[in-house]
Amino acid sequence: MKMKAAVVRQATDPYKFEEVELAEPKNDEVLVRITASGLCYTDEFGRTLGMSPIVLGHEGAGIIEKLGENVKDFAVGDHVAFSYAFCGHCKSCVQGRPQYCEKFNEINFGGVGADGQSKLSQNGQPVAMFFGQSSFAQYATISEESIVKIDEDVDLAMIAPFGCGVQTGAGAVLNTLRPHVDETLAVFGCGAVGFSAIMAAKVAGCRQIIAVGGWSNDGPGSPGNLKWRCQLCH
């Protein structure tokens, strides 16, 4: 199907909405109409991978419009959020640790899906995809294993960042650090990932949570004159 997507051709080029072709969903995929997508620094990193053209976006949410033949757990009209791709067959995936998929880099940062092909094309030529979704577009075809159903009364614009930023920050605290109640935790960086880590630390019962954010005289995020500011959150 034809749709509009934000295409990037060079690392320094702006996003430009162009018409691209999206492949029909395969047996284990769904077609989603994108209603919201987060913007993460990983998307900016994706510009530098040397794949041109590419459609970025990896924190998507939307509404299912079409199902592959073997999809049983979702229905047309379901509200969903989605995250990174994984092969589902390697040792890590079989053990329930898809974040350590042996093909993670290949199928998330390599411009193709698990089958080695991109689902996007333009004028008969492949367009690189990102994280198995390329959510900076009107539609995406996504593996059913990478999507989660969301209640319809939940704002999808609030849910989209859970696809990367929220789960990265919160997961680092709850699944990796696993702080004990009454411990003190310092979080360096107060963007989406940092704030998610702070919230997770609160849930974990940390006694003190210290947020350390950087800024400069040249404005937030600029490389010059970097200073640090500490804030006791709890």
C-alpha atoms as a PDB file:
ATOM      1  CA  MET A   1       0.000   0.000   0.000  1.00  0.00           C
ATOM      2  CA  LYS A   2       1.071   3.587  -0.603  1.00  0.00           C
ATOM      3  CA  MET A   3       1.461   5.940   2.351  1.00  0.00           C
ATOM      4  CA  LYS A   4       3.323   8.992   3.568  1.00  0.00           C
ATOM      5  CA  ALA A   5       6.442   8.559   5.691  1.00  0.00           C
ATOM      6  CA  ALA A   6       9.165  10.818   7.063  1.00  0.00           C
ATOM      7  CA  VAL A   7      12.157   9.884   4.909  1.00  0.00           C
ATOM      8  CA  VAL A   8      15.774  10.791   5.745  1.00  0.00           C
ATOM      9  CA  ARG A   9      18.390  10.574   2.993  1.00  0.00           C
ATOM     10  CA  GLN A  10      21.497  11.964   4.678  1.00  0.00           C
ATOM     11  CA  ALA A  11      22.476  12.267   8.344  1.00  0.00           C
ATOM     12  CA  THR A  12      22.160  16.048   8.259  1.00  0.00           C
ATOM     13  CA  ASP A  13      19.000  16.204   6.142  1.00  0.00           C
ATOM     14  CA  PRO A  14      15.647  17.182   7.648  1.00  0.00           C
ATOM     15  CA  TYR A  15      12.782  14.714   7.804  1.00  0.00           C
ATOM     16  CA  LYS A  16      10.819  14.973   4.571  1.00  0.00           C
ATOM     17  CA  PHE A  17       7.397  13.423   4.097  1.00  0.00           C
ATOM     18  CA  GLU A  18       7.351  11.393   0.897  1.00  0.00           C
ATOM     19  CA  GLU A  19       5.224   8.644  -0.603  1.00  0.00           C
ATOM     20  CA  VAL A  20       6.549   5.136   0.019  1.00  0.00           C
ATOM     21  CA  GLU A  21       5.207   1.622  -0.474  1.00  0.00           C
ATOM     22  CA  LEU A  22       4.486  -0.585   2.553  1.00  0.00           C
ATOM     23  CA  ALA A  23       4.326  -4.365   2.167  1.00  0.00           C
ATOM     24  CA  GLU A  24       1.182  -6.234   3.180  1.00  0.00           C
ATOM     25  CA  PRO A  25       1.336  -7.926   6.591  1.00  0.00           C
ATOM     26  CA  LYS A  26       2.673 -11.467   6.605  1.00  0.00           C
ATOM     27  CA  ASN A  27       0.963 -14.339   8.414  1.00  0.00           C
ATOM     28  CA  ASP A  28       2.290 -13.326  11.835  1.00  0.00           C
ATOM     29  CA  GLU A  29       2.063  -9.541  11.359  1.00  0.00           C
ATOM     30  CA  VAL A  30      -0.521  -6.807  11.736  1.00  0.00           C
ATOM     31  CA  LEU A  31      -1.067  -3.577   9.853  1.00  0.00           C
ATOM     32  CA  VAL A  32      -1.298  -0.629  12.239  1.00  0.00           C
ATOM     33  CA  ARG A  33      -2.434   2.924  11.546  1.00  0.00           C
ATOM     34  CA  ILE A  34       0.030   5.029  13.488  1.00  0.00           C
ATOM     35  CA  THR A  35      -1.589   7.591  15.787  1.00  0.00           C
ATOM     36  CA  ALA A  36       1.418   8.501  17.953  1.00  0.00           C
ATOM     37  CA  SER A  37       5.166   8.050  18.060  1.00  0.00           C
ATOM     38  CA  GLY A  38       7.798   9.129  20.534  1.00  0.00           C
ATOM     39  CA  LEU A  39      11.010  10.823  19.399  1.00  0.00           C
ATOM     40  CA  CYS A  40      14.109   9.330  20.985  1.00  0.00           C
ATOM     41  CA  TYR A  41      17.813  10.066  20.640  1.00  0.00           C
ATOM     42  CA  THR A  42      18.106   6.585  19.131  1.00  0.00           C
ATOM     43  CA  ASP A  43      16.280   7.949  16.084  1.00  0.00           C
ATOM     44  CA  GLU A  44      18.939  10.627  15.737  1.00  0.00           C
ATOM     45  CA  PHE A  45      21.569   7.891  16.052  1.00  0.00           C
ATOM     46  CA  GLY A  46      19.752   6.034  13.268  1.00  0.00           C
ATOM     47  CA  ARG A  47      20.543   8.897  10.914  1.00  0.00           C
ATOM     48  CA  THR A  48      24.254   8.096  11.232  1.00  0.00           C
ATOM     49  CA  LEU A  49      24.027   4.404  10.280  1.00  0.00           C
ATOM     50  CA  GLY A  50      24.724   5.113   6.620  1.00  0.00           C
ATOM     51  CA  MET A  51      21.486   3.629   5.287  1.00  0.00           C
ATOM     52  CA  SER A  52      19.826   5.873   2.733  1.00  0.00           C
ATOM     53  CA  PRO A  53      16.973   6.400   2.411  1.00  0.00           C
ATOM     54  CA  ILE A  54      15.574   5.360   5.797  1.00  0.00           C
ATOM     55  CA  VAL A  55      12.309   5.787   7.710  1.00  0.00           C
ATOM     56  CA  LEU A  56      13.035   6.042  11.427  1.00  0.00           C
ATOM     57  CA  GLY A  57      10.742   5.840  14.461  1.00  0.00           C
ATOM     58  CA  HIS A  58      10.711   3.130  17.118  1.00  0.00           C
ATOM     59  CA  GLU A  59       8.218   4.203  19.799  1.00  0.00           C
ATOM     60  CA  GLY A  60       4.931   3.735  18.003  1.00  0.00           C
ATOM     61  CA  ALA A  61       1.302   3.272  18.954  1.00  0.00           C
ATOM     62  CA  GLY A  62      -1.846   3.017  16.899  1.00  0.00           C
ATOM     63  CA  ILE A  63      -4.897   1.022  15.835  1.00  0.00           C
ATOM     64  CA  ILE A  64      -4.863  -2.327  14.037  1.00  0.00           C
ATOM     65  CA  GLU A  65      -6.467  -2.226  10.593  1.00  0.00           C
ATOM     66  CA  LYS A  66      -5.512  -5.625   9.159  1.00  0.00           C
ATOM     67  CA  LEU A  67      -4.392  -9.021  10.472  1.00  0.00           C
ATOM     68  CA  GLY A  68      -2.117 -11.685   9.054  1.00  0.00           C
ATOM     69  CA  GLU A  69      -3.734 -15.087   8.599  1.00  0.00           C
ATOM     70  CA  ASN A  70      -2.130 -16.652  11.702  1.00  0.00           C
ATOM     71  CA  VAL A  71      -2.731 -13.782  14.125  1.00  0.00           C
ATOM     72  CA  LYS A  72      -5.163 -14.967  16.801  1.00  0.00           C
ATOM     73  CA  ASP A  73      -4.631 -12.782  19.873  1.00  0.00           C
ATOM     74  CA  PHE A  74      -5.508  -9.426  18.283  1.00  0.00           C
ATOM     75  CA  ALA A  75      -8.445  -8.032  16.334  1.00  0.00           C
ATOM     76  CA  VAL A  76      -9.049  -5.225  13.879  1.00  0.00           C
ATOM     77  CA  GLY A  77      -9.711  -2.078  15.890  1.00  0.00           C
ATOM     78  CA  ASP A  78      -7.459  -3.017  18.809  1.00  0.00           C
ATOM     79  CA  HIS A  79      -5.394  -0.165  20.241  1.00  0.00           C
ATOM     80  CA  VAL A  80      -1.760  -1.253  20.493  1.00  0.00           C
ATOM     81  CA  ALA A  81       1.725  -0.075  21.364  1.00  0.00           C
ATOM     82  CA  PHE A  82       4.848  -1.684  19.973  1.00  0.00           C
ATOM     83  CA  SER A  83       8.550  -1.971  20.573  1.00  0.00           C
ATOM     84  CA  TYR A  84      11.756  -3.519  19.228  1.00  0.00           C
ATOM     85  CA  ALA A  85      11.926  -6.530  16.910  1.00  0.00           C
ATOM     86  CA  PHE A  86      13.439  -9.920  17.774  1.00  0.00           C
ATOM     87  CA  CYS A  87      13.793 -13.203  15.921  1.00  0.00           C
ATOM     88  CA  GLY A  88      11.861 -15.357  18.405  1.00  0.00           C
ATOM     89  CA  HIS A  89      13.999 -18.438  17.651  1.00  0.00           C
ATOM     90  CA  CYS A  90      17.473 -17.944  19.125  1.00  0.00           C
ATOM     91  CA  LYS A  91      18.483 -19.188  22.591  1.00  0.00           C
ATOM     92  CA  SER A  92      17.807 -15.848  24.284  1.00  0.00           C
ATOM     93  CA  CYS A  93      14.376 -15.439  22.684  1.00  0.00           C
ATOM     94  CA  VAL A  94      13.357 -18.997  23.581  1.00  0.00           C
ATOM     95  CA  GLN A  95      14.429 -18.344  27.178  1.00  0.00           C
ATOM     96  CA  GLY A  96      12.151 -15.312  27.348  1.00  0.00           C
ATOM     97  CA  ARG A  97      14.890 -12.698  27.015  1.00  0.00           C
ATOM     98  CA  PRO A  98      14.184 -11.126  23.606  1.00  0.00           C
ATOM     99  CA  GLN A  99      16.144  -8.006  24.584  1.00  0.00           C
ATOM    100  CA  TYR A 100      19.259 -10.173  24.153  1.00  0.00           C
ATOM    101  CA  CYS A 101      18.187 -11.618  20.795  1.00  0.00           C
ATOM    102  CA  GLU A 102      21.212 -12.805  18.835  1.00  0.00           C
ATOM    103  CA  LYS A 103      19.921 -10.915  15.800  1.00  0.00           C
ATOM    104  CA  PHE A 104      18.938  -7.765  17.719  1.00  0.00           C
ATOM    105  CA  ASN A 105      21.349  -5.397  15.964  1.00  0.00           C
ATOM    106  CA  GLU A 106      20.692  -6.912  12.543  1.00  0.00           C
ATOM    107  CA  ILE A 107      16.911  -6.588  12.634  1.00  0.00           C
ATOM    108  CA  ASN A 108      16.647  -3.346  14.585  1.00  0.00           C
ATOM    109  CA  PHE A 109      19.580  -1.310  13.277  1.00  0.00           C
ATOM    110  CA  GLY A 110      20.249  -3.136   9.992  1.00  0.00           C
ATOM    111  CA  GLY A 111      17.414  -1.652   7.942  1.00  0.00           C
ATOM    112  CA  VAL A 112      15.638  -4.989   7.437  1.00  0.00           C
ATOM    113  CA  GLY A 113      13.234  -7.314   9.207  1.00  0.00           C
ATOM    114  CA  ALA A 114      13.832 -10.784  10.613  1.00  0.00           C
ATOM    115  CA  ASP A 115      13.509 -12.207   7.082  1.00  0.00           C
ATOM    116  CA  GLY A 116      16.379 -10.029   5.823  1.00  0.00           C
ATOM    117  CA  GLN A 117      14.070  -7.808   3.761  1.00  0.00           C
ATOM    118  CA  SER A 118      12.704  -4.316   4.260  1.00  0.00           C
ATOM    119  CA  LYS A 119       8.940  -3.836   4.297  1.00  0.00           C
ATOM    120  CA  LEU A 120       9.376  -0.385   2.749  1.00  0.00           C
ATOM    121  CA  SER A 121      10.187   0.602  -0.810  1.00  0.00           C
ATOM    122  CA  GLN A 122      10.096   3.620  -3.085  1.00  0.00           C
ATOM    123  CA  ASN A 123      10.009   3.505  -6.883  1.00  0.00           C
ATOM    124  CA  GLY A 124      10.853  -0.187  -6.759  1.00  0.00           C
ATOM    125  CA  GLN A 125      13.924   0.310  -4.558  1.00  0.00           C
ATOM    126  CA  PRO A 126      14.150  -0.725  -0.894  1.00  0.00           C
ATOM    127  CA  VAL A 127      13.888   1.890   1.856  1.00  0.00           C
ATOM    128  CA  ALA A 128      15.610   0.998   5.130  1.00  0.00           C
ATOM    129  CA  MET A 129      13.336   0.353   8.086  1.00  0.00           C
ATOM    130  CA  PHE A 130      14.040   0.804  11.796  1.00  0.00           C
ATOM    131  CA  PHE A 131      13.343  -1.406  14.834  1.00  0.00           C
ATOM    132  CA  GLY A 132      10.914  -3.562  12.885  1.00  0.00           C
ATOM    133  CA  GLN A 133       8.378  -0.734  12.682  1.00  0.00           C
ATOM    134  CA  SER A 134       9.518   2.644  11.241  1.00  0.00           C
ATOM    135  CA  SER A 135       6.811   4.487  13.154  1.00  0.00           C
ATOM    136  CA  PHE A 136       7.488   7.899  11.551  1.00  0.00           C
ATOM    137  CA  ALA A 137       4.854   7.009   8.990  1.00  0.00           C
ATOM    138  CA  GLN A 138       1.114   6.726   8.513  1.00  0.00           C
ATOM    139  CA  TYR A 139       1.155   2.922   8.782  1.00  0.00           C
ATOM    140  CA  ALA A 140       3.446   0.070   9.839  1.00  0.00           C
ATOM    141  CA  THR A 141       3.408  -3.706   9.509  1.00  0.00           C
ATOM    142  CA  ILE A 142       4.667  -5.250  12.738  1.00  0.00           C
ATOM    143  CA  SER A 143       5.186  -8.730  14.156  1.00  0.00           C
ATOM    144  CA  GLU A 144       2.456  -9.670  16.611  1.00  0.00           C
ATOM    145  CA  GLU A 145       5.191 -10.598  19.106  1.00  0.00           C
ATOM    146  CA  SER A 146       6.274  -6.950  19.299  1.00  0.00           C
ATOM    147  CA  ILE A 147       2.881  -5.429  20.092  1.00  0.00           C
ATOM    148  CA  VAL A 148       0.839  -5.049  23.267  1.00  0.00           C
ATOM    149  CA  LYS A 149      -2.902  -4.383  23.451  1.00  0.00           C
ATOM    150  CA  ILE A 150      -3.911  -1.144  25.187  1.00  0.00           C
ATOM    151  CA  ASP A 151      -7.294  -0.261  26.702  1.00  0.00           C
ATOM    152  CA  GLU A 152      -9.190   2.067  24.403  1.00  0.00           C
ATOM    153  CA  ASP A 153      -9.654   4.749  27.064  1.00  0.00           C
ATOM    154  CA  VAL A 154      -5.864   5.190  27.381  1.00  0.00           C
ATOM    155  CA  ASP A 155      -4.268   8.025  25.410  1.00  0.00           C
ATOM    156  CA  LEU A 156      -1.940   6.394  22.875  1.00  0.00           C
ATOM    157  CA  ALA A 157       0.198   9.537  22.775  1.00  0.00           C
ATOM    158  CA  MET A 158       1.074   8.846  26.416  1.00  0.00           C
ATOM    159  CA  ILE A 159       1.746   5.169  25.751  1.00  0.00           C
ATOM    160  CA  ALA A 160       4.042   5.449  22.714  1.00  0.00           C
ATOM    161  CA  PRO A 161       7.236   6.297  24.694  1.00  0.00           C
ATOM    162  CA  PHE A 162       6.862   3.040  26.610  1.00  0.00           C
ATOM    163  CA  GLY A 163       8.232   1.377  23.473  1.00  0.00           C
ATOM    164  CA  CYS A 164      11.757   2.504  24.300  1.00  0.00           C
ATOM    165  CA  GLY A 165      12.413   5.391  26.680  1.00  0.00           C
ATOM    166  CA  VAL A 166      10.148   4.332  29.539  1.00  0.00           C
ATOM    167  CA  GLN A 167      10.996   0.642  29.489  1.00  0.00           C
ATOM    168  CA  THR A 168      14.718   1.391  29.159  1.00  0.00           C
ATOM    169  CA  GLY A 169      14.836   3.670  32.196  1.00  0.00           C
ATOM    170  CA  ALA A 170      12.412   1.719  34.339  1.00  0.00           C
ATOM    171  CA  GLY A 171      13.841  -1.624  33.265  1.00  0.00           C
ATOM    172  CA  ALA A 172      17.372  -0.568  34.195  1.00  0.00           C
ATOM    173  CA  VAL A 173      16.177   0.076  37.750  1.00  0.00           C
ATOM    174  CA  LEU A 174      13.588  -2.661  38.289  1.00  0.00           C
ATOM    175  CA  ASN A 175      15.163  -5.502  36.288  1.00  0.00           C
ATOM    176  CA  THR A 176      18.907  -4.822  36.402  1.00  0.00           C
ATOM    177  CA  LEU A 177      19.799  -2.716  39.462  1.00  0.00           C
ATOM    178  CA  ARG A 178      16.935  -4.062  41.586  1.00  0.00           C
ATOM    179  CA  PRO A 179      17.528  -1.636  44.470  1.00  0.00           C
ATOM    180  CA  HIS A 180      16.455  -2.598  47.967  1.00  0.00           C
ATOM    181  CA  VAL A 181      13.946  -0.581  49.935  1.00  0.00           C
ATOM    182  CA  ASP A 182      15.563   2.403  51.687  1.00  0.00           C
ATOM    183  CA  GLU A 183      18.600   2.486  49.376  1.00  0.00           C
ATOM    184  CA  THR A 184      19.715   5.710  47.693  1.00  0.00           C
ATOM    185  CA  LEU A 185      19.814   5.904  43.904  1.00  0.00           C
ATOM    186  CA  ALA A 186      21.336   8.599  41.687  1.00  0.00           C
ATOM    187  CA  VAL A 187      20.120   9.035  38.109  1.00  0.00           C
ATOM    188  CA  PHE A 188      22.374  10.910  35.680  1.00  0.00           C
ATOM    189  CA  GLY A 189      20.401  12.533  32.873  1.00  0.00           C
ATOM    190  CA  CYS A 190      16.826  13.752  33.153  1.00  0.00           C
ATOM    191  CA  GLY A 191      15.316  13.046  29.762  1.00  0.00           C
ATOM    192  CA  ALA A 192      12.654  10.433  29.075  1.00  0.00           C
ATOM    193  CA  VAL A 193      14.919   7.566  30.127  1.00  0.00           C
ATOM    194  CA  GLY A 194      16.143   9.342  33.250  1.00  0.00           C
ATOM    195  CA  PHE A 195      12.685  10.369  34.423  1.00  0.00           C
ATOM    196  CA  SER A 196      11.465   6.815  33.867  1.00  0.00           C
ATOM    197  CA  ALA A 197      14.317   5.551  36.033  1.00  0.00           C
ATOM    198  CA  ILE A 198      13.361   8.084  38.721  1.00  0.00           C
ATOM    199  CA  MET A 199       9.751   6.915  38.708  1.00  0.00           C
ATOM    200  CA  ALA A 200      10.859   3.280  38.891  1.00  0.00           C
ATOM    201  CA  ALA A 201      13.115   4.092  41.836  1.00  0.00           C
ATOM    202  CA  LYS A 202      10.094   5.555  43.608  1.00  0.00           C
ATOM    203  CA  VAL A 203       8.109   2.389  42.907  1.00  0.00           C
ATOM    204  CA  ALA A 204      11.015   0.311  44.220  1.00  0.00           C
ATOM    205  CA  GLY A 205      10.898   2.199  47.510  1.00  0.00           C
ATOM    206  CA  CYS A 206      14.277   3.932  47.354  1.00  0.00           C
ATOM    207  CA  ARG A 207      14.813   6.184  50.372  1.00  0.00           C
ATOM    208  CA  GLN A 208      16.502   8.976  48.401  1.00  0.00           C
ATOM    209  CA  ILE A 209      16.456   9.556  44.664  1.00  0.00           C
ATOM    210  CA  ILE A 210      18.984  12.047  43.327  1.00  0.00           C
ATOM    211  CA  ALA A 211      18.488  13.409  39.802  1.00  0.00           C
ATOM    212  CA  VAL A 212      21.607  14.811  38.131  1.00  0.00           C
ATOM    213  CA  GLY A 213      20.804  16.829  35.014  1.00  0.00           C
ATOM    214  CA  GLY A 214      23.175  18.587  32.657  1.00  0.00           C
ATOM    215  CA  TRP A 215      22.743  21.989  31.050  1.00  0.00           C
ATOM    216  CA  SER A 216      24.972  24.666  29.530  1.00  0.00           C
ATOM    217  CA  ASN A 217      25.068  28.384  28.913  1.00  0.00           C
ATOM    218  CA  ASP A 218      24.332  27.632  25.263  1.00  0.00           C
ATOM    219  CA  GLY A 219      21.047  25.909  25.982  1.00  0.00           C
ATOM    220  CA  PRO A 220      19.904  22.398  26.900  1.00  0.00           C
ATOM    221  CA  GLY A 221      21.804  19.628  25.184  1.00  0.00           C
ATOM    222  CA  SER A 222      24.522  21.838  23.719  1.00  0.00           C
ATOM    223  CA  PRO A 223      28.093  20.535  24.012  1.00  0.00           C
ATOM    224  CA  GLY A 224      29.703  23.720  25.314  1.00  0.00           C
ATOM    225  CA  ASN A 225      30.152  24.811  28.933  1.00  0.00           C
ATOM    226  CA  LEU A 226      28.411  21.741  30.334  1.00  0.00           C
ATOM    227  CA  LYS A 227      27.437  22.076  33.969  1.00  0.00           C
ATOM    228  CA  TRP A 228      25.569  19.794  36.307  1.00  0.00           C
ATOM    229  CA  ARG A 229      22.710  20.378  38.685  1.00  0.00           C
ATOM    230  CA  CYS A 230      21.577  17.962  41.374  1.00  0.00           C
ATOM    231  CA  GLN A 231      18.029  17.749  42.620  1.00  0.00           C
ATOM    232  CA  LEU A 232      16.806  15.647  45.504  1.00  0.00           C
ATOM    233  CA  CYS A 233      13.593  14.114  44.150  1.00  0.00           C
ATOM    234  CA  HIS A 234      12.505  12.097  47.180  1.00  0.00           C
END
